[in-house]
Amino acid sequence: MKNDFLRILSFTVLFLFFGLYIASTNGYIDYQAKNQMILTEEQIKKFEEDVKNDRPIDVKNYMVRQEELYDNSISQMSLKLSNSIGEAVQDFLNFVFERMEHFMKTS
């Protein structure tokens, strides 16, 4: 019973890690952030009018947020967990390859 719970928990954490890792490496997160910064035609016209009339220019006045941000404590915690797991996996792989390199040199 206890082993089944640990196995399910381990696979769940591993699945979440790989999902977040793949999303970040494929640029999905950057793509979503870029889409939030796209200026609409109306905002471009407003910007051009402000430039013609020598009004002060502030980029924040022309940005349109198309989607709501869903940052919360759970997503921040899962990101920290994902980063921690990623660092642990990287350290483990570095250790394995260092041992393999050492083994190959001594053989």
Protein backbone atom coordinates (compact mmCIF):
# COMPACT_ATOMS: atom_id res chain seq x y z
CA MET A 1 0.00 0.00 0.00
CA LYS A 2 2.73 2.45 0.99
CA ASN A 3 4.85 1.49 -2.03
CA ASP A 4 1.91 2.04 -4.38
CA PHE A 5 1.33 5.53 -2.98
CA LEU A 6 5.01 6.43 -3.34
CA ARG A 7 5.09 5.05 -6.88
CA ILE A 8 2.02 7.07 -7.90
CA LEU A 9 3.39 10.20 -6.24
CA SER A 10 6.77 9.74 -7.92
CA PHE A 11 5.24 9.27 -11.37
CA THR A 12 2.96 12.27 -10.86
CA VAL A 13 5.85 14.54 -9.87
CA LEU A 14 7.97 13.23 -12.73
CA PHE A 15 5.12 13.74 -15.21
CA LEU A 16 4.57 17.32 -13.98
CA PHE A 17 8.27 18.07 -14.20
CA PHE A 18 8.58 16.82 -17.77
CA GLY A 19 5.42 18.66 -18.79
CA LEU A 20 6.70 21.97 -17.43
CA TYR A 21 10.18 21.35 -18.78
CA ILE A 22 8.94 20.57 -22.29
CA ALA A 23 6.64 23.60 -22.25
CA SER A 24 9.50 25.90 -21.26
CA THR A 25 12.02 24.47 -23.74
CA ASN A 26 9.59 24.61 -26.64
CA GLY A 27 9.08 28.30 -26.00
CA TYR A 28 5.38 27.99 -25.17
CA ILE A 29 5.73 30.20 -22.11
CA ASP A 30 7.72 32.82 -24.04
CA TYR A 31 5.17 32.65 -26.86
CA GLN A 32 2.32 33.31 -24.43
CA ALA A 33 4.20 36.24 -22.89
CA LYS A 34 4.90 37.67 -26.36
CA ASN A 35 1.23 37.41 -27.31
CA GLN A 36 0.32 39.48 -24.27
CA MET A 37 2.59 42.28 -25.47
CA ILE A 38 1.29 42.57 -29.02
CA LEU A 39 -0.05 45.98 -29.85
CA THR A 40 -3.39 46.18 -31.58
CA GLU A 41 -4.08 48.45 -34.55
CA GLU A 42 -5.97 50.85 -32.30
CA GLN A 43 -3.08 51.09 -29.88
CA ILE A 44 -0.65 51.74 -32.75
CA LYS A 45 -2.87 54.57 -34.01
CA LYS A 46 -3.07 55.98 -30.48
CA PHE A 47 0.73 55.82 -30.25
CA GLU A 48 1.15 57.60 -33.59
CA GLU A 49 -1.28 60.33 -32.50
CA ASP A 50 0.64 60.82 -29.28
CA VAL A 51 3.91 61.12 -31.19
CA LYS A 52 2.40 63.69 -33.57
CA ASN A 53 1.06 65.73 -30.65
CA ASP A 54 4.33 65.52 -28.67
CA ARG A 55 2.66 63.81 -25.72
CA PRO A 56 4.79 61.84 -23.26
CA ILE A 57 5.22 58.25 -24.41
CA ASP A 58 4.87 55.36 -21.98
CA VAL A 59 4.80 51.82 -23.32
CA LYS A 60 2.37 50.72 -20.59
CA ASN A 61 -0.28 53.01 -22.07
CA TYR A 62 -0.31 51.05 -25.32
CA MET A 63 -0.17 47.44 -24.11
CA VAL A 64 -3.28 45.33 -24.18
CA ARG A 65 -3.43 42.29 -21.97
CA GLN A 66 -5.31 39.66 -23.94
CA GLU A 67 -5.29 36.96 -21.28
CA GLU A 68 -5.54 36.88 -17.56
CA LEU A 69 -2.47 35.75 -15.67
CA TYR A 70 -3.15 32.80 -13.46
CA ASP A 71 -0.11 33.08 -11.25
CA ASN A 72 -0.87 31.79 -7.82
CA SER A 73 0.92 30.03 -5.01
CA ILE A 74 0.33 26.59 -6.54
CA SER A 75 1.87 27.50 -9.90
CA GLN A 76 4.81 29.21 -8.18
CA MET A 77 5.31 26.19 -5.94
CA SER A 78 5.16 23.80 -8.91
CA LEU A 79 7.73 25.94 -10.76
CA LYS A 80 10.07 25.83 -7.76
CA LEU A 81 9.52 22.08 -7.49
CA SER A 82 10.19 21.65 -11.20
CA ASN A 83 13.39 23.69 -10.97
CA SER A 84 14.53 21.67 -7.93
CA ILE A 85 13.85 18.37 -9.68
CA GLY A 86 15.64 19.64 -12.79
CA GLU A 87 18.70 20.59 -10.77
CA ALA A 88 18.66 17.21 -8.98
CA VAL A 89 18.41 15.33 -12.30
CA GLN A 90 21.20 17.45 -13.76
CA ASP A 91 23.42 16.82 -10.71
CA PHE A 92 22.69 13.09 -10.91
CA LEU A 93 23.51 12.94 -14.63
CA ASN A 94 26.70 14.93 -14.09
CA PHE A 95 27.69 12.48 -11.35
CA VAL A 96 26.96 9.46 -13.56
CA PHE A 97 28.91 10.86 -16.50
CA GLU A 98 31.84 11.85 -14.29
CA ARG A 99 31.95 8.32 -12.90
CA MET A 100 31.77 6.89 -16.42
CA GLU A 101 34.56 9.21 -17.55
CA HIS A 102 36.69 8.20 -14.55
CA PHE A 103 35.99 4.52 -15.24
CA MET A 104 36.94 4.91 -18.91
CA LYS A 105 40.23 6.64 -18.01
CA THR A 106 41.25 3.93 -15.54
CA SER A 107 40.39 1.07 -17.90
